[in-house]
N, C-alpha and C. Protein backbone atom coordinates (compact mmCIF):
# COMPACT_ATOMS: atom_id res chain seq x y z
N MET A 1 2.11 -6.70 20.11
CA MET A 1 1.74 -6.12 21.55
C MET A 1 1.54 -4.68 21.46
N ILE A 2 0.54 -4.28 21.88
CA ILE A 2 0.24 -2.85 22.04
C ILE A 2 0.93 -2.14 23.39
N ILE A 3 1.70 -1.10 23.11
CA ILE A 3 2.24 -0.33 24.13
C ILE A 3 1.44 0.92 24.49
N PRO A 4 0.73 0.99 25.57
CA PRO A 4 0.10 2.28 25.97
C PRO A 4 1.00 3.57 25.78
N LEU A 5 0.59 4.57 25.21
CA LEU A 5 1.48 5.59 24.91
C LEU A 5 0.60 6.94 24.98
N ASP A 6 0.71 7.69 26.07
CA ASP A 6 -0.10 9.03 26.07
C ASP A 6 0.83 10.03 25.47
N LEU A 7 0.90 10.16 24.32
CA LEU A 7 1.69 11.40 23.85
C LEU A 7 0.63 12.53 23.55
N LEU A 8 -0.48 12.45 23.90
CA LEU A 8 -1.42 13.65 23.44
C LEU A 8 -1.27 14.66 24.69
N HIS A 9 -0.87 14.31 25.89
CA HIS A 9 -0.62 15.30 26.68
C HIS A 9 0.77 16.33 26.50
N LEU A 10 1.52 15.63 25.81
CA LEU A 10 2.72 16.55 25.12
C LEU A 10 2.30 17.55 24.24
N ALA A 11 1.18 17.54 23.65
CA ALA A 11 0.74 18.42 22.61
C ALA A 11 0.69 19.88 23.33
N SER A 12 0.45 20.02 24.48
CA SER A 12 0.39 21.24 25.24
C SER A 12 1.98 21.88 25.16
N SER A 13 2.89 20.91 25.16
CA SER A 13 4.35 21.66 25.35
C SER A 13 4.88 21.95 23.96
N LEU A 14 4.05 21.70 23.02
CA LEU A 14 4.61 21.98 21.48
C LEU A 14 4.36 23.65 21.17
N ARG A 15 5.35 24.14 20.64
CA ARG A 15 5.05 25.58 20.26
C ARG A 15 4.03 25.63 19.09
N THR A 16 3.08 26.37 19.22
CA THR A 16 2.08 26.61 18.11
C THR A 16 1.86 28.07 17.85
N SER A 17 1.00 28.11 16.59
CA SER A 17 1.10 29.60 16.15
C SER A 17 -0.28 29.54 15.23
N ARG A 18 -1.01 30.53 15.35
CA ARG A 18 -2.12 30.67 14.46
C ARG A 18 -1.80 31.59 13.26
N LYS A 19 -1.86 31.03 11.96
CA LYS A 19 -1.67 31.75 10.70
C LYS A 19 -2.67 31.56 9.68
N SER A 20 -3.33 32.64 9.13
CA SER A 20 -4.34 32.49 8.17
C SER A 20 -5.44 31.58 8.67
N ASP A 21 -5.86 31.73 9.90
CA ASP A 21 -6.96 30.94 10.35
C ASP A 21 -6.63 29.49 10.53
N ARG A 22 -5.35 29.19 10.53
CA ARG A 22 -4.80 27.72 10.82
C ARG A 22 -3.81 27.74 11.95
N THR A 23 -3.90 26.66 12.40
CA THR A 23 -2.97 26.37 13.60
C THR A 23 -1.69 25.83 13.04
N HIS A 24 -0.38 26.05 13.31
CA HIS A 24 0.72 25.70 12.79
C HIS A 24 1.52 25.05 14.26
N VAL A 25 2.38 24.11 13.91
CA VAL A 25 3.24 23.69 15.03
C VAL A 25 4.65 23.68 14.61
N TRP A 26 5.45 23.95 15.59
CA TRP A 26 7.08 24.05 15.26
C TRP A 26 7.75 22.69 15.27
N CYS A 27 8.40 22.31 14.05
CA CYS A 27 8.97 21.05 14.16
C CYS A 27 10.43 21.40 14.69
N LEU A 28 10.95 20.65 15.72
CA LEU A 28 12.12 20.88 16.41
C LEU A 28 13.30 20.30 15.55
N ILE A 29 13.02 19.26 14.73
CA ILE A 29 13.96 18.78 13.87
C ILE A 29 14.11 19.49 12.57
N ARG A 30 13.05 19.80 11.99
CA ARG A 30 13.20 20.65 10.45
C ARG A 30 13.23 22.03 10.73
N LYS A 31 13.07 22.58 11.97
CA LYS A 31 13.23 24.05 12.29
C LYS A 31 12.35 24.87 11.20
N LYS A 32 11.23 24.49 11.19
CA LYS A 32 10.05 25.20 10.57
C LYS A 32 8.64 24.99 11.12
N TRP A 33 7.76 26.01 10.65
CA TRP A 33 6.35 25.86 11.05
C TRP A 33 5.51 24.85 10.08
N LEU A 34 4.58 23.92 10.57
CA LEU A 34 3.94 23.08 9.68
C LEU A 34 2.49 23.17 10.23
N VAL A 35 1.68 22.96 9.27
CA VAL A 35 0.08 22.82 9.59
C VAL A 35 -0.13 21.81 10.64
N ALA A 36 -0.83 22.08 11.53
CA ALA A 36 -0.95 21.17 12.80
C ALA A 36 -2.08 20.34 12.61
N THR A 37 -1.89 19.28 11.52
CA THR A 37 -2.99 18.17 11.53
C THR A 37 -2.87 17.43 12.48
N PRO A 38 -3.89 16.44 12.84
CA PRO A 38 -3.75 15.73 13.87
C PRO A 38 -2.44 14.72 13.85
N GLU A 39 -2.18 14.19 12.62
CA GLU A 39 -0.98 13.38 12.49
C GLU A 39 0.41 14.07 12.85
N GLU A 40 0.28 15.46 12.43
CA GLU A 40 1.62 16.36 12.80
C GLU A 40 1.63 16.53 14.21
N TYR A 41 0.62 16.58 14.92
CA TYR A 41 0.60 16.80 16.32
C TYR A 41 1.33 15.53 16.90
N VAL A 42 0.79 14.28 16.35
CA VAL A 42 1.41 12.80 17.08
C VAL A 42 2.93 12.95 16.65
N ARG A 43 3.21 13.27 15.50
CA ARG A 43 4.41 13.26 15.09
C ARG A 43 5.53 14.18 15.74
N GLN A 44 5.11 15.54 16.24
CA GLN A 44 5.81 16.37 16.77
C GLN A 44 5.79 15.94 18.44
N ALA A 45 4.69 15.50 18.95
CA ALA A 45 4.71 14.86 20.28
C ALA A 45 5.67 13.66 20.47
N LEU A 46 5.85 12.91 19.42
CA LEU A 46 6.76 11.65 19.52
C LEU A 46 8.14 12.32 19.26
N LEU A 47 8.54 13.17 18.64
CA LEU A 47 9.76 13.72 18.70
C LEU A 47 10.15 14.27 19.91
N LEU A 48 9.29 14.82 20.53
CA LEU A 48 9.80 15.38 21.87
C LEU A 48 9.77 14.13 22.75
N HIS A 49 9.03 13.28 22.80
CA HIS A 49 9.09 11.98 23.65
C HIS A 49 10.62 11.35 23.29
N LEU A 50 10.82 11.18 22.06
CA LEU A 50 12.12 10.90 21.53
C LEU A 50 13.19 11.27 22.11
N THR A 51 13.33 12.75 22.02
CA THR A 51 14.52 13.52 22.51
C THR A 51 14.57 13.82 24.05
N GLU A 52 13.30 13.81 24.75
CA GLU A 52 13.51 14.30 26.15
C GLU A 52 13.34 13.04 26.92
N THR A 53 12.40 12.01 26.58
CA THR A 53 12.27 10.86 27.35
C THR A 53 13.30 9.63 27.03
N LEU A 54 13.37 9.40 25.66
CA LEU A 54 14.25 8.26 25.38
C LEU A 54 15.60 8.75 24.91
N HIS A 55 15.93 9.91 25.16
CA HIS A 55 17.16 10.59 24.96
C HIS A 55 17.94 10.31 23.53
N TRP A 56 17.12 10.62 22.42
CA TRP A 56 17.59 10.52 21.07
C TRP A 56 18.17 11.83 20.77
N PRO A 57 19.39 11.99 20.42
CA PRO A 57 20.10 13.14 19.97
C PRO A 57 19.33 13.84 18.85
N VAL A 58 18.95 15.06 18.56
CA VAL A 58 18.10 15.61 17.71
C VAL A 58 18.88 15.36 16.27
N SER A 59 20.27 15.37 16.38
CA SER A 59 21.18 15.15 15.27
C SER A 59 21.03 13.65 14.65
N ARG A 60 20.32 12.84 15.43
CA ARG A 60 20.23 11.57 14.94
C ARG A 60 18.84 11.22 14.55
N ILE A 61 17.95 12.12 14.20
CA ILE A 61 16.72 12.02 13.86
C ILE A 61 16.36 12.71 12.52
N SER A 62 15.84 12.08 11.66
CA SER A 62 15.40 12.63 10.31
C SER A 62 13.87 12.52 10.07
N VAL A 63 13.28 13.41 9.73
CA VAL A 63 11.81 13.54 9.65
C VAL A 63 11.37 13.76 8.00
N GLU A 64 10.37 13.06 7.68
CA GLU A 64 9.62 13.10 6.35
C GLU A 64 10.66 13.14 5.29
N ARG A 65 11.34 12.06 5.09
CA ARG A 65 12.41 12.04 3.82
C ARG A 65 11.62 11.12 2.80
N GLN A 66 12.03 11.50 1.56
CA GLN A 66 11.44 10.75 0.43
C GLN A 66 12.12 9.40 0.31
N LEU A 67 11.64 8.51 -0.21
CA LEU A 67 12.24 7.15 -0.58
C LEU A 67 11.59 6.60 -1.79
N THR A 68 12.35 5.76 -2.68
CA THR A 68 11.59 5.12 -3.66
C THR A 68 11.52 3.57 -3.42
N THR A 69 10.50 2.96 -3.32
CA THR A 69 10.26 1.69 -3.06
C THR A 69 9.26 1.03 -4.15
N MET A 70 9.51 0.04 -4.76
CA MET A 70 8.68 -0.79 -5.60
C MET A 70 8.20 0.36 -6.71
N GLY A 71 9.19 1.18 -7.17
CA GLY A 71 8.80 2.03 -8.30
C GLY A 71 7.97 3.32 -7.84
N SER A 72 7.54 3.45 -6.65
CA SER A 72 6.86 4.45 -6.16
C SER A 72 7.41 5.40 -5.20
N ARG A 73 7.42 6.58 -5.19
CA ARG A 73 7.69 7.56 -4.48
C ARG A 73 7.05 7.77 -3.18
N ARG A 74 7.61 7.49 -1.79
CA ARG A 74 6.87 7.62 -0.64
C ARG A 74 7.70 8.37 0.41
N ARG A 75 7.00 8.77 1.48
CA ARG A 75 7.67 9.40 2.38
C ARG A 75 7.61 8.96 3.90
N TRP A 76 8.52 8.46 4.41
CA TRP A 76 8.38 7.82 5.79
C TRP A 76 8.41 8.99 6.75
N ASP A 77 7.95 8.85 7.92
CA ASP A 77 7.68 9.80 9.00
C ASP A 77 8.93 10.32 9.83
N ILE A 78 9.45 9.24 10.39
CA ILE A 78 10.72 9.49 11.18
C ILE A 78 11.66 8.27 11.00
N VAL A 79 12.96 8.57 11.03
CA VAL A 79 13.91 7.58 11.08
C VAL A 79 15.09 8.11 11.97
N CYS A 80 15.36 7.22 13.01
CA CYS A 80 16.39 7.66 14.09
C CYS A 80 17.73 6.75 13.78
N TYR A 81 18.91 7.31 13.91
CA TYR A 81 20.05 6.68 13.41
C TYR A 81 20.91 6.42 14.69
N ASP A 82 21.79 5.50 14.52
CA ASP A 82 22.95 5.36 15.70
C ASP A 82 24.08 6.16 15.20
N ILE A 83 25.14 6.08 16.16
CA ILE A 83 26.17 7.16 16.01
C ILE A 83 26.93 6.78 14.80
N ASP A 84 27.04 5.61 14.13
CA ASP A 84 27.48 5.44 12.80
C ASP A 84 26.74 5.82 11.79
N GLY A 85 25.44 6.45 11.75
CA GLY A 85 24.48 6.67 10.74
C GLY A 85 23.87 5.65 10.24
N HIS A 86 23.71 4.50 10.91
CA HIS A 86 22.81 3.37 10.47
C HIS A 86 21.54 3.60 10.94
N GLU A 87 20.54 3.13 10.34
CA GLU A 87 19.07 3.29 10.69
C GLU A 87 18.74 2.37 11.66
N GLN A 88 18.37 3.05 12.85
CA GLN A 88 17.91 1.97 13.94
C GLN A 88 16.38 1.87 14.14
N VAL A 89 15.68 2.90 14.01
CA VAL A 89 14.20 2.74 14.27
C VAL A 89 13.61 3.69 13.23
N LEU A 90 12.55 2.92 12.49
CA LEU A 90 11.68 3.39 11.54
C LEU A 90 10.36 3.64 12.13
N ILE A 91 9.97 4.74 12.02
CA ILE A 91 8.67 5.21 12.84
C ILE A 91 7.58 5.57 11.75
N GLU A 92 6.50 5.06 11.74
CA GLU A 92 5.12 5.46 11.05
C GLU A 92 4.26 6.29 12.12
N CYS A 93 3.93 7.45 11.88
CA CYS A 93 2.89 8.00 12.66
C CYS A 93 1.47 8.22 11.99
N LYS A 94 0.53 8.03 12.87
CA LYS A 94 -1.01 8.09 12.37
C LYS A 94 -1.67 9.03 13.57
N ALA A 95 -2.70 9.70 12.94
CA ALA A 95 -3.56 10.36 13.68
C ALA A 95 -4.15 9.62 14.78
N PRO A 96 -4.73 10.19 15.94
CA PRO A 96 -5.04 9.42 16.94
C PRO A 96 -6.30 8.66 16.88
N GLU A 97 -7.04 8.99 15.87
CA GLU A 97 -8.15 8.12 15.41
C GLU A 97 -7.99 6.98 14.50
N VAL A 98 -6.83 6.86 13.98
CA VAL A 98 -6.39 5.74 13.06
C VAL A 98 -5.75 4.61 13.93
N ALA A 99 -6.40 3.47 13.80
CA ALA A 99 -5.91 2.29 14.55
C ALA A 99 -4.60 1.92 13.96
N LEU A 100 -3.75 1.06 14.73
CA LEU A 100 -2.55 0.59 14.34
C LEU A 100 -2.85 -0.90 13.79
N SER A 101 -3.40 -0.91 12.70
CA SER A 101 -3.79 -2.05 12.18
C SER A 101 -2.70 -2.81 11.03
N GLN A 102 -3.07 -3.91 10.56
CA GLN A 102 -2.09 -4.67 9.82
C GLN A 102 -1.90 -3.72 8.43
N ARG A 103 -2.73 -2.90 8.13
CA ARG A 103 -2.71 -2.05 6.94
C ARG A 103 -1.34 -1.01 7.29
N VAL A 104 -1.46 -0.50 8.65
CA VAL A 104 -0.29 0.37 8.96
C VAL A 104 1.09 -0.43 9.05
N MET A 105 0.95 -1.56 9.49
CA MET A 105 2.22 -2.36 9.57
C MET A 105 2.59 -2.57 8.18
N ASP A 106 1.85 -2.88 7.20
CA ASP A 106 2.34 -3.13 5.75
C ASP A 106 2.90 -1.94 5.29
N GLN A 107 2.45 -0.96 5.47
CA GLN A 107 2.87 0.51 5.03
C GLN A 107 4.38 0.67 5.64
N ALA A 108 4.56 0.34 6.93
CA ALA A 108 5.89 0.67 7.37
C ALA A 108 6.82 -0.61 6.80
N ALA A 109 6.26 -1.74 6.56
CA ALA A 109 7.16 -2.86 6.19
C ALA A 109 7.60 -2.53 4.57
N LEU A 110 6.79 -1.96 4.05
CA LEU A 110 7.10 -1.44 2.48
C LEU A 110 8.17 -0.49 2.50
N TYR A 111 8.28 0.54 3.65
CA TYR A 111 9.34 1.41 3.74
C TYR A 111 10.66 0.66 4.24
N GLN A 112 10.35 -0.55 5.15
CA GLN A 112 11.55 -1.07 5.76
C GLN A 112 12.33 -1.83 4.71
N GLN A 113 11.56 -2.04 3.59
CA GLN A 113 12.47 -2.85 2.41
C GLN A 113 13.76 -2.00 2.04
N THR A 114 13.34 -0.53 2.01
CA THR A 114 14.47 0.27 1.71
C THR A 114 15.26 0.74 2.84
N VAL A 115 14.77 1.08 3.83
CA VAL A 115 15.43 1.50 5.23
C VAL A 115 16.23 0.54 5.84
N GLN A 116 15.62 -0.61 5.98
CA GLN A 116 16.37 -1.70 6.65
C GLN A 116 16.93 -1.34 8.25
N SER A 117 15.97 -0.72 9.01
CA SER A 117 16.35 -0.48 10.35
C SER A 117 16.16 -1.63 11.28
N GLN A 118 16.71 -1.54 12.51
CA GLN A 118 16.69 -2.55 13.49
C GLN A 118 15.26 -2.66 14.10
N TYR A 119 14.62 -1.48 14.18
CA TYR A 119 13.32 -1.54 14.90
C TYR A 119 12.19 -0.76 13.89
N ILE A 120 10.91 -1.27 13.89
CA ILE A 120 9.98 -0.52 13.38
C ILE A 120 8.86 -0.19 14.63
N LEU A 121 8.41 1.10 14.51
CA LEU A 121 7.63 1.70 15.59
C LEU A 121 6.29 2.38 14.85
N LEU A 122 5.19 2.00 15.36
CA LEU A 122 3.87 2.53 14.66
C LEU A 122 3.38 3.19 15.90
N ALA A 123 2.86 4.61 15.78
CA ALA A 123 2.39 5.25 16.98
C ALA A 123 1.07 6.21 16.27
N ASN A 124 0.03 6.20 17.22
CA ASN A 124 -1.01 7.23 16.78
C ASN A 124 -1.24 8.31 18.10
N GLY A 125 -0.05 8.25 18.85
CA GLY A 125 -0.48 9.22 20.14
C GLY A 125 -1.04 8.49 21.39
N LYS A 126 -1.87 7.47 21.18
CA LYS A 126 -2.33 6.82 22.35
C LYS A 126 -1.82 5.50 22.75
N GLU A 127 -1.33 4.98 21.70
CA GLU A 127 -0.67 3.59 21.80
C GLU A 127 0.48 3.45 20.69
N ALA A 128 1.17 2.55 20.90
CA ALA A 128 2.38 2.23 19.95
C ALA A 128 2.40 0.66 19.77
N ILE A 129 3.16 0.25 18.64
CA ILE A 129 3.55 -0.91 18.57
C ILE A 129 5.00 -1.01 18.05
N CYS A 130 5.86 -1.79 18.67
CA CYS A 130 7.36 -1.68 18.32
C CYS A 130 7.81 -3.13 18.23
N CYS A 131 8.49 -3.09 17.13
CA CYS A 131 9.16 -4.64 16.98
C CYS A 131 10.55 -4.49 16.64
N MET A 132 11.32 -5.65 16.91
CA MET A 132 12.67 -5.60 16.51
C MET A 132 12.68 -6.44 15.27
N MET A 133 13.41 -6.18 14.49
CA MET A 133 13.42 -6.94 13.16
C MET A 133 14.72 -7.79 13.31
N LYS A 134 14.26 -8.91 12.87
CA LYS A 134 15.38 -10.04 12.89
C LYS A 134 15.84 -10.39 11.50
N GLU A 135 16.37 -11.43 11.17
CA GLU A 135 16.83 -11.72 9.94
C GLU A 135 15.63 -11.98 8.98
N GLU A 136 15.84 -11.73 7.55
CA GLU A 136 14.73 -11.73 6.70
C GLU A 136 13.74 -12.81 6.82
N SER A 137 14.40 -14.07 7.04
CA SER A 137 13.49 -15.18 7.08
C SER A 137 12.63 -15.34 8.59
N ALA A 138 13.14 -14.59 9.48
CA ALA A 138 12.43 -14.77 10.96
C ALA A 138 11.47 -13.64 11.01
N SER A 139 10.47 -13.94 11.94
CA SER A 139 9.44 -12.86 12.00
C SER A 139 9.79 -11.89 13.06
N PRO A 140 9.36 -10.81 13.14
CA PRO A 140 9.93 -9.54 14.05
C PRO A 140 9.28 -10.11 15.50
N LYS A 141 10.22 -9.60 16.60
CA LYS A 141 10.09 -9.64 17.88
C LYS A 141 9.50 -8.54 18.40
N PHE A 142 7.93 -8.62 18.93
CA PHE A 142 7.24 -7.49 19.47
C PHE A 142 7.78 -7.24 20.79
N LEU A 143 7.95 -5.94 21.15
CA LEU A 143 8.61 -5.31 22.33
C LEU A 143 7.39 -4.82 23.24
N SER A 144 7.67 -4.74 24.35
CA SER A 144 6.68 -4.06 25.55
C SER A 144 7.08 -2.83 25.63
N GLU A 145 8.15 -2.11 25.22
CA GLU A 145 8.53 -0.80 25.47
C GLU A 145 9.35 -0.24 24.25
N LEU A 146 9.52 0.99 24.23
CA LEU A 146 10.15 1.84 23.26
C LEU A 146 11.53 1.66 23.39
N PRO A 147 12.46 1.53 22.36
CA PRO A 147 13.95 1.51 22.55
C PRO A 147 14.51 2.95 23.00
N GLN A 148 15.24 3.03 24.06
CA GLN A 148 15.94 4.14 24.33
C GLN A 148 17.24 4.15 23.49
N TYR A 149 17.75 5.51 23.37
CA TYR A 149 19.09 5.76 22.67
C TYR A 149 20.09 4.86 23.24
N ASP A 150 20.30 5.08 24.63
CA ASP A 150 21.38 4.45 25.33
C ASP A 150 21.30 3.09 25.41
N ASP A 151 20.24 2.47 25.21
CA ASP A 151 20.40 1.14 25.14
C ASP A 151 20.62 0.19 23.78
N LEU A 152 20.70 1.02 22.72
CA LEU A 152 21.29 0.46 21.42
C LEU A 152 22.53 0.35 21.31
């Protein structure tokens, strides 16, 4: 189920800076300037949405951490944690021109083997797909909206 998600309007609320002929964007979680690629704009706009609209505390969000799965080193985009430090939402961000395809879901599912979160969220700034993960043998339940921190 596709969820309309207009995060691109939040890009104007992000802190940006020009350095060496490149635009950089400030990461409110990592507290550093990053090259403002299309995917990074989506990631930062989604972080703003998570913290301001969905009320996720900054202290419960982690960005671009390395994991090893199936013998390869990878990086997930965002993971949100509950008060006990358990992974609740695994988020895979893509640039706006990247469709949220089965390939993107497969990438998140690969990370999910290690992370074991309750939800998986795919987002490209224009739309999102969110599913609640059930037991291993059951298929995921697709949701019509993103989970708010207070609802978990």
